[in-house]
N, C-alpha and C. Protein backbone atom coordinates (compact mmCIF):
# COMPACT_ATOMS: atom_id res chain seq x y z
N MET A 1 8.25 -48.60 12.87
CA MET A 1 8.74 -47.58 13.77
C MET A 1 8.81 -46.24 13.04
N ASP A 2 9.16 -46.29 11.76
CA ASP A 2 9.23 -45.06 10.97
C ASP A 2 7.85 -44.39 10.89
N ALA A 3 6.83 -45.17 10.65
CA ALA A 3 5.47 -44.61 10.58
C ALA A 3 5.04 -44.03 11.93
N LEU A 4 5.41 -44.70 13.01
CA LEU A 4 5.08 -44.21 14.35
C LEU A 4 5.79 -42.88 14.61
N PHE A 5 7.06 -42.79 14.24
CA PHE A 5 7.81 -41.54 14.41
C PHE A 5 7.14 -40.40 13.64
N HIS A 6 6.79 -40.65 12.39
CA HIS A 6 6.17 -39.60 11.58
C HIS A 6 4.81 -39.19 12.14
N ALA A 7 4.05 -40.15 12.64
CA ALA A 7 2.76 -39.81 13.25
C ALA A 7 2.96 -38.97 14.51
N ALA A 8 3.93 -39.35 15.33
CA ALA A 8 4.22 -38.58 16.55
C ALA A 8 4.71 -37.18 16.20
N ARG A 9 5.54 -37.07 15.20
CA ARG A 9 6.04 -35.75 14.78
C ARG A 9 4.90 -34.88 14.27
N ASP A 10 3.98 -35.48 13.51
CA ASP A 10 2.83 -34.72 13.01
C ASP A 10 1.93 -34.27 14.16
N ILE A 11 1.70 -35.15 15.11
CA ILE A 11 0.89 -34.79 16.28
C ILE A 11 1.56 -33.65 17.04
N LYS A 12 2.85 -33.77 17.25
CA LYS A 12 3.61 -32.74 17.96
C LYS A 12 3.46 -31.39 17.26
N GLY A 13 3.59 -31.39 15.97
CA GLY A 13 3.53 -30.15 15.21
C GLY A 13 2.14 -29.57 15.04
N GLN A 14 1.12 -30.41 15.05
CA GLN A 14 -0.24 -29.96 14.76
C GLN A 14 -1.15 -29.89 15.99
N ALA A 15 -0.65 -30.31 17.14
CA ALA A 15 -1.49 -30.39 18.34
C ALA A 15 -2.18 -29.07 18.66
N ALA A 16 -1.44 -28.00 18.66
CA ALA A 16 -2.03 -26.69 19.00
C ALA A 16 -3.02 -26.24 17.93
N THR A 17 -2.70 -26.51 16.68
CA THR A 17 -3.59 -26.14 15.58
C THR A 17 -4.96 -26.78 15.72
N PHE A 18 -4.98 -28.02 16.19
CA PHE A 18 -6.24 -28.74 16.34
C PHE A 18 -6.88 -28.55 17.71
N GLY A 19 -6.28 -27.72 18.56
CA GLY A 19 -6.88 -27.39 19.84
C GLY A 19 -6.49 -28.30 20.99
N TYR A 20 -5.43 -29.06 20.85
CA TYR A 20 -4.99 -29.97 21.90
C TYR A 20 -3.49 -29.78 22.17
N PRO A 21 -3.08 -28.58 22.57
CA PRO A 21 -1.63 -28.33 22.73
C PRO A 21 -0.94 -29.21 23.75
N ALA A 22 -1.66 -29.69 24.76
CA ALA A 22 -1.04 -30.52 25.78
C ALA A 22 -0.58 -31.88 25.24
N VAL A 23 -1.10 -32.29 24.12
CA VAL A 23 -0.72 -33.57 23.52
C VAL A 23 0.70 -33.51 22.95
N ALA A 24 1.15 -32.31 22.60
CA ALA A 24 2.45 -32.14 21.94
C ALA A 24 3.61 -32.66 22.78
N SER A 25 3.56 -32.49 24.08
CA SER A 25 4.66 -32.92 24.93
C SER A 25 4.83 -34.44 24.93
N ALA A 26 3.74 -35.17 24.98
CA ALA A 26 3.82 -36.64 24.93
C ALA A 26 4.33 -37.10 23.57
N ALA A 27 3.87 -36.45 22.50
CA ALA A 27 4.34 -36.80 21.16
C ALA A 27 5.82 -36.46 21.01
N ASP A 28 6.25 -35.35 21.60
CA ASP A 28 7.66 -34.97 21.56
C ASP A 28 8.52 -36.02 22.25
N SER A 29 8.07 -36.50 23.38
CA SER A 29 8.82 -37.52 24.11
C SER A 29 8.97 -38.79 23.27
N LEU A 30 7.91 -39.17 22.58
CA LEU A 30 7.98 -40.35 21.71
C LEU A 30 8.94 -40.13 20.55
N CYS A 31 8.91 -38.94 19.96
CA CYS A 31 9.86 -38.62 18.89
C CYS A 31 11.30 -38.74 19.38
N ARG A 32 11.57 -38.16 20.54
CA ARG A 32 12.92 -38.23 21.11
C ARG A 32 13.34 -39.66 21.36
N LEU A 33 12.42 -40.45 21.89
CA LEU A 33 12.71 -41.85 22.18
C LEU A 33 13.14 -42.58 20.92
N ILE A 34 12.39 -42.43 19.86
CA ILE A 34 12.67 -43.14 18.61
C ILE A 34 13.92 -42.57 17.94
N GLU A 35 14.01 -41.25 17.90
CA GLU A 35 15.11 -40.60 17.18
C GLU A 35 16.47 -40.80 17.83
N HIS A 36 16.53 -40.87 19.15
CA HIS A 36 17.82 -40.89 19.84
C HIS A 36 18.21 -42.25 20.42
N THR A 37 17.44 -43.28 20.13
CA THR A 37 17.83 -44.62 20.56
C THR A 37 18.69 -45.23 19.44
N PRO A 38 19.93 -45.57 19.75
CA PRO A 38 20.83 -46.09 18.71
C PRO A 38 20.30 -47.35 18.01
N ASP A 39 19.68 -48.23 18.77
CA ASP A 39 19.12 -49.46 18.20
C ASP A 39 17.67 -49.53 18.63
N ILE A 40 16.77 -49.19 17.72
CA ILE A 40 15.35 -49.11 18.09
C ILE A 40 14.76 -50.44 18.54
N THR A 41 15.44 -51.53 18.25
CA THR A 41 14.94 -52.82 18.73
C THR A 41 15.08 -52.94 20.25
N HIS A 42 15.86 -52.04 20.86
CA HIS A 42 16.03 -52.05 22.32
C HIS A 42 14.92 -51.32 23.05
N ILE A 43 14.11 -50.57 22.32
CA ILE A 43 13.03 -49.82 22.98
C ILE A 43 11.99 -50.80 23.48
N PRO A 44 11.70 -50.78 24.79
CA PRO A 44 10.67 -51.68 25.31
C PRO A 44 9.29 -51.33 24.73
N GLU A 45 8.59 -52.33 24.30
CA GLU A 45 7.25 -52.13 23.74
C GLU A 45 6.35 -51.39 24.72
N GLU A 46 6.52 -51.68 26.02
CA GLU A 46 5.69 -51.04 27.04
C GLU A 46 5.92 -49.53 27.08
N LEU A 47 7.15 -49.09 26.82
CA LEU A 47 7.45 -47.67 26.83
C LEU A 47 6.78 -46.97 25.65
N ILE A 48 6.78 -47.60 24.52
CA ILE A 48 6.07 -47.05 23.36
C ILE A 48 4.57 -46.99 23.65
N GLU A 49 4.03 -48.06 24.20
CA GLU A 49 2.60 -48.11 24.53
C GLU A 49 2.23 -47.03 25.54
N GLN A 50 3.11 -46.75 26.50
CA GLN A 50 2.83 -45.71 27.49
C GLN A 50 2.73 -44.34 26.81
N HIS A 51 3.56 -44.08 25.84
CA HIS A 51 3.49 -42.82 25.11
C HIS A 51 2.18 -42.72 24.33
N VAL A 52 1.85 -43.77 23.61
CA VAL A 52 0.61 -43.78 22.82
C VAL A 52 -0.60 -43.64 23.74
N ASP A 53 -0.60 -44.36 24.85
CA ASP A 53 -1.70 -44.26 25.81
C ASP A 53 -1.81 -42.86 26.40
N ALA A 54 -0.67 -42.21 26.64
CA ALA A 54 -0.69 -40.84 27.18
C ALA A 54 -1.33 -39.89 26.18
N VAL A 55 -0.97 -40.01 24.92
CA VAL A 55 -1.59 -39.16 23.88
C VAL A 55 -3.09 -39.39 23.86
N ARG A 56 -3.49 -40.63 23.88
CA ARG A 56 -4.93 -40.95 23.87
C ARG A 56 -5.64 -40.40 25.09
N ALA A 57 -5.04 -40.57 26.27
CA ALA A 57 -5.67 -40.13 27.51
C ALA A 57 -5.81 -38.61 27.55
N ILE A 58 -4.76 -37.90 27.14
CA ILE A 58 -4.82 -36.44 27.14
C ILE A 58 -5.90 -35.97 26.18
N TYR A 59 -5.95 -36.55 25.01
CA TYR A 59 -6.97 -36.19 24.02
C TYR A 59 -8.38 -36.50 24.55
N ARG A 60 -8.54 -37.70 25.08
CA ARG A 60 -9.85 -38.15 25.55
C ARG A 60 -10.36 -37.30 26.71
N GLU A 61 -9.48 -36.90 27.59
CA GLU A 61 -9.88 -36.19 28.80
C GLU A 61 -9.77 -34.67 28.69
N TYR A 62 -9.59 -34.16 27.48
CA TYR A 62 -9.32 -32.74 27.31
C TYR A 62 -10.45 -31.84 27.82
N ALA A 63 -11.64 -32.32 27.86
CA ALA A 63 -12.78 -31.50 28.33
C ALA A 63 -12.81 -31.37 29.85
N ARG A 64 -12.07 -32.20 30.56
CA ARG A 64 -12.06 -32.13 32.03
C ARG A 64 -11.43 -30.84 32.50
N SER A 65 -11.88 -30.38 33.64
CA SER A 65 -11.33 -29.14 34.20
C SER A 65 -9.87 -29.30 34.61
N ASP A 66 -9.46 -30.51 34.93
CA ASP A 66 -8.07 -30.75 35.35
C ASP A 66 -7.23 -31.41 34.24
N ALA A 67 -7.65 -31.23 33.00
CA ALA A 67 -6.96 -31.87 31.87
C ALA A 67 -5.51 -31.42 31.76
N GLU A 68 -5.26 -30.15 31.98
CA GLU A 68 -3.89 -29.66 31.87
C GLU A 68 -3.00 -30.27 32.95
N GLN A 69 -3.53 -30.40 34.17
CA GLN A 69 -2.77 -31.02 35.25
C GLN A 69 -2.50 -32.49 34.94
N LEU A 70 -3.49 -33.18 34.41
CA LEU A 70 -3.32 -34.58 34.01
C LEU A 70 -2.22 -34.69 32.95
N ALA A 71 -2.25 -33.81 31.97
CA ALA A 71 -1.25 -33.84 30.90
C ALA A 71 0.15 -33.59 31.46
N VAL A 72 0.28 -32.65 32.36
CA VAL A 72 1.59 -32.34 32.94
C VAL A 72 2.12 -33.55 33.71
N ARG A 73 1.26 -34.18 34.51
CA ARG A 73 1.70 -35.36 35.28
C ARG A 73 2.14 -36.48 34.35
N LEU A 74 1.34 -36.75 33.34
CA LEU A 74 1.67 -37.84 32.41
C LEU A 74 2.97 -37.55 31.65
N THR A 75 3.07 -36.35 31.12
CA THR A 75 4.24 -36.06 30.28
C THR A 75 5.51 -35.89 31.11
N THR A 76 5.39 -35.40 32.32
CA THR A 76 6.57 -35.30 33.18
C THR A 76 7.15 -36.69 33.44
N THR A 77 6.28 -37.62 33.75
CA THR A 77 6.72 -39.00 33.99
C THR A 77 7.30 -39.61 32.72
N LEU A 78 6.64 -39.40 31.57
CA LEU A 78 7.16 -39.93 30.31
C LEU A 78 8.54 -39.38 30.00
N HIS A 79 8.72 -38.08 30.19
CA HIS A 79 10.02 -37.48 29.92
C HIS A 79 11.10 -38.05 30.85
N GLU A 80 10.75 -38.24 32.11
CA GLU A 80 11.73 -38.80 33.06
C GLU A 80 12.14 -40.21 32.66
N VAL A 81 11.16 -41.04 32.35
CA VAL A 81 11.45 -42.42 31.96
C VAL A 81 12.22 -42.45 30.65
N THR A 82 11.81 -41.62 29.71
CA THR A 82 12.50 -41.56 28.41
C THR A 82 13.94 -41.09 28.59
N ASP A 83 14.14 -40.05 29.40
CA ASP A 83 15.50 -39.56 29.65
C ASP A 83 16.38 -40.66 30.25
N GLU A 84 15.83 -41.37 31.22
CA GLU A 84 16.60 -42.45 31.86
C GLU A 84 16.96 -43.54 30.84
N PHE A 85 16.00 -43.92 30.02
CA PHE A 85 16.25 -44.94 29.00
C PHE A 85 17.32 -44.45 28.01
N LEU A 86 17.19 -43.21 27.56
CA LEU A 86 18.16 -42.66 26.60
C LEU A 86 19.55 -42.53 27.21
N ARG A 87 19.62 -42.15 28.49
CA ARG A 87 20.93 -42.10 29.16
C ARG A 87 21.58 -43.47 29.14
N HIS A 88 20.79 -44.49 29.43
CA HIS A 88 21.31 -45.86 29.44
C HIS A 88 21.75 -46.30 28.05
N GLU A 89 20.92 -46.03 27.06
CA GLU A 89 21.22 -46.47 25.69
C GLU A 89 22.36 -45.68 25.05
N ASN A 90 22.56 -44.46 25.48
CA ASN A 90 23.57 -43.59 24.88
C ASN A 90 24.75 -43.33 25.81
N ARG A 91 24.96 -44.22 26.76
CA ARG A 91 26.05 -43.99 27.70
C ARG A 91 27.38 -43.98 26.96
N GLY A 92 28.23 -43.14 27.42
CA GLY A 92 29.52 -42.96 26.78
C GLY A 92 29.91 -41.50 26.88
N PRO A 93 31.05 -41.14 26.34
CA PRO A 93 31.56 -39.78 26.51
C PRO A 93 30.70 -38.70 25.89
N SER A 94 29.95 -38.99 24.84
CA SER A 94 29.17 -37.93 24.19
C SER A 94 27.68 -38.11 24.36
N GLY A 95 27.24 -39.07 25.14
CA GLY A 95 25.82 -39.36 25.21
C GLY A 95 25.13 -38.88 26.46
N GLY A 96 25.00 -37.60 26.63
CA GLY A 96 24.27 -37.07 27.76
C GLY A 96 22.89 -36.62 27.34
N PRO A 97 21.96 -36.52 28.29
CA PRO A 97 20.59 -36.13 27.95
C PRO A 97 20.49 -34.73 27.38
N GLU A 98 21.44 -33.84 27.69
CA GLU A 98 21.37 -32.49 27.15
C GLU A 98 21.55 -32.49 25.62
N GLN A 99 22.27 -33.47 25.08
CA GLN A 99 22.42 -33.56 23.64
C GLN A 99 21.21 -34.21 23.00
N LEU A 100 20.33 -34.78 23.79
CA LEU A 100 19.20 -35.53 23.26
C LEU A 100 17.89 -34.76 23.29
N ARG A 101 17.89 -33.56 23.77
CA ARG A 101 16.67 -32.75 23.85
C ARG A 101 16.27 -32.27 22.47
N SER A 102 14.98 -32.22 22.25
CA SER A 102 14.46 -31.63 21.02
C SER A 102 14.63 -30.13 21.11
N PRO A 103 14.87 -29.48 20.00
CA PRO A 103 14.97 -28.03 20.05
C PRO A 103 13.62 -27.43 20.41
N SER A 104 13.65 -26.34 21.14
CA SER A 104 12.43 -25.66 21.53
C SER A 104 11.76 -25.06 20.32
N ILE A 105 10.43 -25.13 20.29
CA ILE A 105 9.68 -24.49 19.20
C ILE A 105 9.18 -23.12 19.65
N VAL A 106 9.52 -22.73 20.87
CA VAL A 106 9.11 -21.44 21.40
C VAL A 106 10.18 -20.42 21.07
N PRO A 107 9.81 -19.29 20.45
CA PRO A 107 10.82 -18.27 20.14
C PRO A 107 11.40 -17.67 21.41
N GLU A 108 12.68 -17.34 21.37
CA GLU A 108 13.33 -16.74 22.54
C GLU A 108 13.17 -15.25 22.55
């Protein structure tokens, strides 16, 4: 899981540099999933596979004219599912999704 987290973090950070900025959102969701799940053994394997498949699909289909729309649909769904899972895993007085968001890399 540690290697997967580091790979996702590297993809998130380097996606734009390599010309695939839309991949960063899926990688970010995977980082959040791993980083904010109290017990990583609770993460469903299918959820991890969906993140990896989304990164692959966005990369593979990047030449399509609707690639950005595809990426938005995939990552929106991933973020929703990840948020729901994290809410469930972090339920309690301090475990809300607003505390689980990654900091923005966009300057204000």
